[in-house]
Amino acid sequence: MLTMFRFIMPFLTFAMTLTAPLAWAHGSDQHVLGTVTLIEATHVEVKTPKGKTVDVQINKQTRFLEKGNPKGKNLPQVGDRVVIEAAKDNGSLIATEVHFSSAKKPAAPAQ
């Protein structure tokens, strides 16, 4: 039993040393998940799954990444699902990245 302990402890210590920086690398950004209820040139409002409305500021440095079209120039629309990475600045959230997927469009009726 002691031999197994001597083998496992160095391995666990090594594994923890490698994975700890990954947890810190994420920084102090916050995530906002939900559905876009309003989007304007300077901010976007998101309704979270808990029903709370969150206002997130956007600027020229904000990157928009559409699911399935990450290099596209499209912006999210009202009704789209978003995951926003934002930094806190003087009590406001400033978006650094907005990941979004377009709301499902209803299929055209068959004729």
C-alpha atoms as a PDB file:
ATOM      1  CA  MET A   1       0.000   0.000   0.000  1.00  0.00           C
ATOM      2  CA  LEU A   2       2.820   2.393   0.871  1.00  0.00           C
ATOM      3  CA  THR A   3       4.517   1.679  -2.465  1.00  0.00           C
ATOM      4  CA  MET A   4       1.341   2.600  -4.334  1.00  0.00           C
ATOM      5  CA  PHE A   5       1.051   5.825  -2.330  1.00  0.00           C
ATOM      6  CA  ARG A   6       4.653   6.732  -3.199  1.00  0.00           C
ATOM      7  CA  PHE A   7       3.879   6.210  -6.877  1.00  0.00           C
ATOM      8  CA  ILE A   8       0.562   8.084  -6.979  1.00  0.00           C
ATOM      9  CA  MET A   9       1.525  11.189  -4.969  1.00  0.00           C
ATOM     10  CA  PRO A  10       4.254  12.451  -7.356  1.00  0.00           C
ATOM     11  CA  PHE A  11       1.939  11.829 -10.291  1.00  0.00           C
ATOM     12  CA  LEU A  12      -0.929  13.781  -8.686  1.00  0.00           C
ATOM     13  CA  THR A  13       1.394  16.617  -7.702  1.00  0.00           C
ATOM     14  CA  PHE A  14       2.688  16.835 -11.265  1.00  0.00           C
ATOM     15  CA  ALA A  15      -0.841  16.777 -12.730  1.00  0.00           C
ATOM     16  CA  MET A  16      -2.040  19.534 -10.392  1.00  0.00           C
ATOM     17  CA  THR A  17       0.989  21.665 -11.261  1.00  0.00           C
ATOM     18  CA  LEU A  18       0.104  21.469 -14.944  1.00  0.00           C
ATOM     19  CA  THR A  19      -3.619  22.120 -14.613  1.00  0.00           C
ATOM     20  CA  ALA A  20      -3.624  24.945 -12.040  1.00  0.00           C
ATOM     21  CA  PRO A  21      -2.496  27.666 -14.510  1.00  0.00           C
ATOM     22  CA  LEU A  22      -5.394  26.733 -16.791  1.00  0.00           C
ATOM     23  CA  ALA A  23      -7.861  27.739 -14.104  1.00  0.00           C
ATOM     24  CA  TRP A  24      -6.080  31.060 -13.552  1.00  0.00           C
ATOM     25  CA  ALA A  25      -5.682  31.827 -17.269  1.00  0.00           C
ATOM     26  CA  HIS A  26      -9.363  32.638 -17.577  1.00  0.00           C
ATOM     27  CA  GLY A  27      -8.879  35.863 -15.657  1.00  0.00           C
ATOM     28  CA  SER A  28     -11.642  37.929 -14.127  1.00  0.00           C
ATOM     29  CA  ASP A  29     -14.002  37.926 -17.114  1.00  0.00           C
ATOM     30  CA  GLN A  30     -17.661  37.199 -16.510  1.00  0.00           C
ATOM     31  CA  HIS A  31     -19.982  35.234 -18.745  1.00  0.00           C
ATOM     32  CA  VAL A  32     -23.494  36.286 -19.654  1.00  0.00           C
ATOM     33  CA  LEU A  33     -25.693  33.591 -21.213  1.00  0.00           C
ATOM     34  CA  GLY A  34     -29.143  34.091 -22.611  1.00  0.00           C
ATOM     35  CA  THR A  35     -31.275  35.503 -25.403  1.00  0.00           C
ATOM     36  CA  VAL A  36     -30.830  38.920 -26.996  1.00  0.00           C
ATOM     37  CA  THR A  37     -33.787  41.192 -26.211  1.00  0.00           C
ATOM     38  CA  LEU A  38     -32.264  44.439 -27.541  1.00  0.00           C
ATOM     39  CA  ILE A  39     -29.154  45.324 -29.507  1.00  0.00           C
ATOM     40  CA  GLU A  40     -27.938  48.810 -30.317  1.00  0.00           C
ATOM     41  CA  ALA A  41     -24.624  50.349 -31.386  1.00  0.00           C
ATOM     42  CA  THR A  42     -23.374  50.725 -27.812  1.00  0.00           C
ATOM     43  CA  HIS A  43     -24.979  47.888 -25.852  1.00  0.00           C
ATOM     44  CA  VAL A  44     -26.876  44.632 -25.900  1.00  0.00           C
ATOM     45  CA  GLU A  45     -29.520  43.458 -23.452  1.00  0.00           C
ATOM     46  CA  VAL A  46     -29.671  39.757 -22.655  1.00  0.00           C
ATOM     47  CA  LYS A  47     -32.412  37.872 -20.841  1.00  0.00           C
ATOM     48  CA  THR A  48     -30.827  35.083 -18.818  1.00  0.00           C
ATOM     49  CA  PRO A  49     -32.416  31.659 -18.265  1.00  0.00           C
ATOM     50  CA  LYS A  50     -33.385  32.860 -14.756  1.00  0.00           C
ATOM     51  CA  GLY A  51     -35.358  35.757 -16.272  1.00  0.00           C
ATOM     52  CA  LYS A  52     -32.922  38.512 -15.317  1.00  0.00           C
ATOM     53  CA  THR A  53     -32.108  41.197 -17.924  1.00  0.00           C
ATOM     54  CA  VAL A  54     -28.403  42.071 -18.153  1.00  0.00           C
ATOM     55  CA  ASP A  55     -27.059  45.112 -20.013  1.00  0.00           C
ATOM     56  CA  VAL A  56     -23.617  44.643 -21.596  1.00  0.00           C
ATOM     57  CA  GLN A  57     -21.729  47.482 -23.290  1.00  0.00           C
ATOM     58  CA  ILE A  58     -20.128  46.842 -26.695  1.00  0.00           C
ATOM     59  CA  ASN A  59     -17.411  48.813 -28.453  1.00  0.00           C
ATOM     60  CA  LYS A  60     -15.077  48.649 -31.473  1.00  0.00           C
ATOM     61  CA  GLN A  61     -12.891  46.050 -29.750  1.00  0.00           C
ATOM     62  CA  THR A  62     -15.799  43.653 -29.159  1.00  0.00           C
ATOM     63  CA  ARG A  63     -15.500  40.533 -31.326  1.00  0.00           C
ATOM     64  CA  PHE A  64     -18.651  38.853 -32.653  1.00  0.00           C
ATOM     65  CA  LEU A  65     -18.394  35.128 -33.414  1.00  0.00           C
ATOM     66  CA  GLU A  66     -21.341  33.406 -35.061  1.00  0.00           C
ATOM     67  CA  LYS A  67     -21.719  29.658 -34.585  1.00  0.00           C
ATOM     68  CA  GLY A  68     -20.896  27.918 -37.848  1.00  0.00           C
ATOM     69  CA  ASN A  69     -19.539  31.141 -39.366  1.00  0.00           C
ATOM     70  CA  PRO A  70     -16.795  32.439 -37.039  1.00  0.00           C
ATOM     71  CA  LYS A  71     -15.193  34.626 -39.710  1.00  0.00           C
ATOM     72  CA  GLY A  72     -18.494  36.193 -40.769  1.00  0.00           C
ATOM     73  CA  LYS A  73     -19.363  39.834 -40.198  1.00  0.00           C
ATOM     74  CA  ASN A  74     -22.908  39.200 -38.977  1.00  0.00           C
ATOM     75  CA  LEU A  75     -24.143  40.651 -35.706  1.00  0.00           C
ATOM     76  CA  PRO A  76     -26.616  38.984 -33.370  1.00  0.00           C
ATOM     77  CA  GLN A  77     -30.287  39.838 -33.740  1.00  0.00           C
ATOM     78  CA  VAL A  78     -33.112  39.963 -31.224  1.00  0.00           C
ATOM     79  CA  GLY A  79     -33.991  36.369 -30.333  1.00  0.00           C
ATOM     80  CA  ASP A  80     -30.488  34.967 -30.921  1.00  0.00           C
ATOM     81  CA  ARG A  81     -28.816  32.928 -28.172  1.00  0.00           C
ATOM     82  CA  VAL A  82     -25.562  34.442 -26.894  1.00  0.00           C
ATOM     83  CA  VAL A  83     -22.648  33.706 -24.611  1.00  0.00           C
ATOM     84  CA  ILE A  84     -20.853  36.959 -23.843  1.00  0.00           C
ATOM     85  CA  GLU A  85     -17.410  37.236 -22.282  1.00  0.00           C
ATOM     86  CA  ALA A  86     -17.277  40.576 -20.493  1.00  0.00           C
ATOM     87  CA  ALA A  87     -14.930  42.480 -18.220  1.00  0.00           C
ATOM     88  CA  LYS A  88     -16.195  44.583 -15.336  1.00  0.00           C
ATOM     89  CA  ASP A  89     -15.280  48.278 -15.552  1.00  0.00           C
ATOM     90  CA  ASN A  90     -16.625  50.787 -13.015  1.00  0.00           C
ATOM     91  CA  GLY A  91     -19.684  48.643 -12.349  1.00  0.00           C
ATOM     92  CA  SER A  92     -20.476  48.088 -16.042  1.00  0.00           C
ATOM     93  CA  LEU A  93     -19.921  44.989 -18.117  1.00  0.00           C
ATOM     94  CA  ILE A  94     -17.883  45.572 -21.299  1.00  0.00           C
ATOM     95  CA  ALA A  95     -18.100  42.755 -23.853  1.00  0.00           C
ATOM     96  CA  THR A  96     -14.826  41.392 -25.198  1.00  0.00           C
ATOM     97  CA  GLU A  97     -16.395  38.534 -27.201  1.00  0.00           C
ATOM     98  CA  VAL A  98     -19.970  37.746 -28.162  1.00  0.00           C
ATOM     99  CA  HIS A  99     -20.567  34.153 -29.279  1.00  0.00           C
ATOM    100  CA  PHE A 100     -23.994  33.728 -30.830  1.00  0.00           C
ATOM    101  CA  SER A 101     -26.193  31.419 -32.838  1.00  0.00           C
ATOM    102  CA  SER A 102     -29.080  32.662 -34.890  1.00  0.00           C
ATOM    103  CA  ALA A 103     -32.574  31.864 -33.731  1.00  0.00           C
ATOM    104  CA  LYS A 104     -34.199  29.089 -35.674  1.00  0.00           C
ATOM    105  CA  LYS A 105     -36.144  30.461 -38.596  1.00  0.00           C
ATOM    106  CA  PRO A 106     -39.566  28.865 -39.090  1.00  0.00           C
ATOM    107  CA  ALA A 107     -39.655  26.567 -42.087  1.00  0.00           C
ATOM    108  CA  ALA A 108     -41.593  27.785 -45.086  1.00  0.00           C
ATOM    109  CA  PRO A 109     -45.000  26.094 -45.312  1.00  0.00           C
ATOM    110  CA  ALA A 110     -45.204  23.288 -47.852  1.00  0.00           C
ATOM    111  CA  GLN A 111     -47.363  24.035 -50.847  1.00  0.00           C
END
